[in-house]
């Protein structure tokens, strides 16, 4: 409370209580703003062990799973993380990380929007405006609705980082995966 309110007899007890409540709220607001600023600073950093490339962090864990596994494992490792989405501005860094991984195949966050359809999207909601499909026809087989990137140990005739569609949940479709965090 300011000294003038406490000592000025023209202020009622109710006015002094209101003023005191306002000051408490202002102090709480300042504390919350400080916490928010600290959280935003923390959100601008990659977690330990992740690779930072520009405004994104990437992790390619040394585990394999069907496509459904990483769609829950990535956010479990960091609440900001999703399966990687590949765009014109990050495809080279994604391909470099896949090449360095030693993996045969790597799940990405691309999914067919309608089973057996031709339209694709990214699980993080970013626009699907870039494609890197391996040569040959894309399949419209039921269940082959998730994007897999070729790794350096892939047995398929394609460049590292090129895509093909794969069975999302087939028990034999256990591949490495790449998680991504977009920093703000």
Protein backbone atom coordinates (compact mmCIF):
# COMPACT_ATOMS: atom_id res chain seq x y z
CA UNK A 1 0.00 0.00 0.00
CA UNK A 2 1.26 3.46 -0.73
CA UNK A 3 1.92 5.77 2.19
CA UNK A 4 -0.70 8.31 1.12
CA UNK A 5 -3.51 5.73 1.30
CA UNK A 6 -2.40 4.40 4.69
CA UNK A 7 -2.02 7.80 6.29
CA UNK A 8 -4.73 9.78 4.56
CA UNK A 9 -7.81 9.79 6.82
CA UNK A 10 -10.06 10.58 3.84
CA UNK A 11 -9.68 6.98 2.58
CA UNK A 12 -12.11 4.52 4.08
CA UNK A 13 -11.15 1.07 5.33
CA UNK A 14 -12.86 -0.37 2.26
CA UNK A 15 -10.80 1.84 -0.09
CA UNK A 16 -7.59 0.83 1.71
CA UNK A 17 -8.57 -2.87 1.40
CA UNK A 18 -9.30 -2.44 -2.32
CA UNK A 19 -5.97 -0.69 -2.85
CA UNK A 20 -4.17 -3.44 -0.94
CA UNK A 21 -5.90 -6.08 -3.10
CA UNK A 22 -4.87 -4.27 -6.28
CA UNK A 23 -1.25 -4.16 -5.12
CA UNK A 24 -1.31 -7.91 -4.37
CA UNK A 25 -2.73 -8.60 -7.84
CA UNK A 26 -0.06 -6.39 -9.45
CA UNK A 27 2.66 -8.30 -7.57
CA UNK A 28 1.16 -11.63 -8.66
CA UNK A 29 0.93 -10.40 -12.26
CA UNK A 30 4.59 -9.36 -12.20
CA UNK A 31 5.57 -12.77 -10.81
CA UNK A 32 3.54 -14.56 -13.52
CA UNK A 33 5.09 -12.39 -16.24
CA UNK A 34 8.54 -13.29 -14.92
CA UNK A 35 7.65 -17.01 -14.96
CA UNK A 36 6.26 -16.71 -18.49
CA UNK A 37 9.43 -14.97 -19.70
CA UNK A 38 11.53 -17.75 -18.14
CA UNK A 39 9.35 -20.43 -19.76
CA UNK A 40 9.61 -18.73 -23.17
CA UNK A 41 13.38 -18.62 -22.82
CA UNK A 42 13.38 -22.33 -21.96
CA UNK A 43 11.11 -23.04 -24.96
CA UNK A 44 13.72 -21.40 -27.21
CA UNK A 45 16.26 -24.10 -26.36
CA UNK A 46 16.63 -27.70 -27.48
CA UNK A 47 16.52 -30.41 -24.83
CA UNK A 48 19.86 -32.09 -24.05
CA UNK A 49 20.84 -34.61 -26.73
CA UNK A 50 18.76 -33.01 -29.48
CA UNK A 51 20.37 -31.51 -32.58
CA UNK A 52 19.56 -27.85 -33.25
CA UNK A 53 19.33 -26.73 -36.86
CA UNK A 54 18.09 -23.17 -37.27
CA UNK A 55 14.79 -22.79 -35.44
CA UNK A 56 14.23 -26.53 -35.07
CA UNK A 57 15.49 -29.32 -32.85
CA UNK A 58 15.73 -32.91 -34.06
CA UNK A 59 16.15 -36.26 -32.37
CA UNK A 60 16.50 -39.64 -34.04
CA UNK A 61 16.34 -42.10 -31.12
CA UNK A 62 18.09 -45.45 -31.41
CA UNK A 63 14.79 -47.34 -31.15
CA UNK A 64 12.32 -48.64 -33.70
CA UNK A 65 8.54 -48.70 -33.70
CA UNK A 66 5.53 -48.72 -35.98
CA UNK A 67 4.36 -45.24 -37.01
CA UNK A 68 1.86 -45.06 -34.12
CA UNK A 69 4.64 -45.45 -31.53
CA UNK A 70 6.56 -42.25 -32.31
CA UNK A 71 3.39 -40.23 -32.61
CA UNK A 72 3.12 -40.68 -28.84
CA UNK A 73 6.81 -41.19 -28.01
CA UNK A 74 7.94 -37.83 -29.46
CA UNK A 75 5.60 -35.72 -27.27
CA UNK A 76 6.44 -37.98 -24.31
CA UNK A 77 10.12 -36.99 -24.67
CA UNK A 78 9.24 -33.28 -24.88
CA UNK A 79 5.76 -31.76 -24.90
CA UNK A 80 6.70 -29.64 -27.95
CA UNK A 81 7.92 -32.60 -30.04
CA UNK A 82 6.13 -34.22 -32.98
CA UNK A 83 7.18 -36.56 -35.76
CA UNK A 84 9.26 -34.57 -38.23
CA UNK A 85 7.58 -32.60 -41.00
CA UNK A 86 9.69 -31.97 -44.08
CA UNK A 87 9.52 -28.69 -45.97
CA UNK A 88 11.56 -26.79 -48.54
CA UNK A 89 13.35 -24.89 -45.77
CA UNK A 90 14.41 -27.94 -43.71
CA UNK A 91 14.61 -30.93 -46.07
CA UNK A 92 18.41 -30.72 -46.41
CA UNK A 93 19.00 -30.76 -42.66
CA UNK A 94 16.54 -33.65 -42.26
CA UNK A 95 18.28 -35.60 -45.03
CA UNK A 96 21.70 -34.94 -43.44
CA UNK A 97 20.47 -36.25 -40.09
CA UNK A 98 18.93 -39.32 -41.71
CA UNK A 99 22.19 -39.96 -43.62
CA UNK A 100 24.21 -39.71 -40.39
CA UNK A 101 21.82 -42.03 -38.53
CA UNK A 102 22.84 -45.33 -40.06
CA UNK A 103 19.15 -46.31 -40.17
CA UNK A 104 17.52 -48.32 -42.94
CA UNK A 105 14.17 -46.48 -42.82
CA UNK A 106 12.94 -43.50 -40.77
CA UNK A 107 9.34 -42.57 -40.06
CA UNK A 108 8.29 -38.98 -40.75
CA UNK A 109 5.07 -37.26 -39.68
CA UNK A 110 3.42 -37.41 -43.08
CA UNK A 111 0.06 -39.14 -43.40
CA UNK A 112 -2.40 -39.71 -46.21
CA UNK A 113 -5.43 -37.53 -45.53
CA UNK A 114 -7.84 -40.20 -46.74
CA UNK A 115 -7.03 -43.91 -46.71
CA UNK A 116 -5.90 -44.88 -50.19
CA UNK A 117 -6.17 -41.25 -51.37
CA UNK A 118 -3.57 -39.05 -53.02
CA UNK A 119 -3.51 -36.05 -50.63
CA UNK A 120 -1.00 -35.90 -47.79
CA UNK A 121 -0.58 -33.81 -44.65
CA UNK A 122 1.74 -33.39 -41.66
CA UNK A 123 0.74 -34.39 -38.14
CA UNK A 124 2.02 -31.07 -36.76
CA UNK A 125 -0.53 -29.23 -38.94
CA UNK A 126 2.02 -27.45 -41.13
CA UNK A 127 1.20 -27.22 -44.86
CA UNK A 128 2.21 -30.07 -47.16
CA UNK A 129 4.00 -27.95 -49.79
CA UNK A 130 7.14 -30.02 -50.40
CA UNK A 131 7.56 -33.61 -51.60
CA UNK A 132 10.59 -35.87 -51.94
CA UNK A 133 9.12 -39.12 -53.21
CA UNK A 134 11.47 -41.85 -54.40
CA UNK A 135 11.17 -42.72 -58.10
CA UNK A 136 8.37 -45.07 -59.02
CA UNK A 137 4.65 -45.05 -58.42
CA UNK A 138 3.29 -44.18 -55.02
CA UNK A 139 1.08 -46.90 -53.67
CA UNK A 140 -2.57 -46.41 -52.80
CA UNK A 141 -2.70 -49.75 -50.99
CA UNK A 142 -4.88 -49.74 -47.90
CA UNK A 143 -2.77 -49.10 -44.81
CA UNK A 144 0.22 -47.65 -46.67
CA UNK A 145 -0.70 -44.22 -45.46
CA UNK A 146 2.43 -43.00 -43.64
CA UNK A 147 5.67 -41.49 -44.96
CA UNK A 148 8.95 -43.36 -44.52
CA UNK A 149 12.29 -41.75 -45.43
CA UNK A 150 15.04 -43.90 -46.92
CA UNK A 151 18.07 -44.29 -44.66
CA UNK A 152 21.66 -45.11 -45.63
CA UNK A 153 21.09 -48.81 -44.99
CA UNK A 154 17.86 -49.03 -47.00
CA UNK A 155 17.61 -51.90 -49.43
CA UNK A 156 15.51 -49.84 -51.83
CA UNK A 157 16.96 -48.09 -54.88
CA UNK A 158 16.49 -44.49 -53.74
CA UNK A 159 18.56 -41.62 -52.38
CA UNK A 160 18.88 -41.16 -48.63
CA UNK A 161 16.00 -39.04 -47.41
CA UNK A 162 13.65 -39.85 -50.28
CA UNK A 163 10.20 -41.01 -49.30
CA UNK A 164 7.89 -43.92 -49.87
CA UNK A 165 4.55 -44.74 -48.31
CA UNK A 166 4.42 -47.53 -45.80
CA UNK A 167 2.15 -49.57 -43.59
CA UNK A 168 1.57 -47.42 -40.53
CA UNK A 169 0.72 -50.14 -38.02
CA UNK A 170 1.92 -53.42 -39.49
CA UNK A 171 3.89 -55.44 -36.89
CA UNK A 172 6.71 -55.81 -39.44
CA UNK A 173 6.93 -52.05 -39.96
CA UNK A 174 9.25 -51.22 -37.08
CA UNK A 175 11.57 -48.42 -38.21
CA UNK A 176 13.57 -45.62 -36.70
CA UNK A 177 11.81 -42.27 -36.43
CA UNK A 178 12.71 -38.60 -36.20
CA UNK A 179 11.16 -36.19 -33.72
CA UNK A 180 11.13 -32.44 -34.28
CA UNK A 181 10.57 -29.37 -32.11
CA UNK A 182 9.89 -26.04 -33.74
CA UNK A 183 11.28 -23.27 -31.56
CA UNK A 184 9.40 -20.00 -31.16
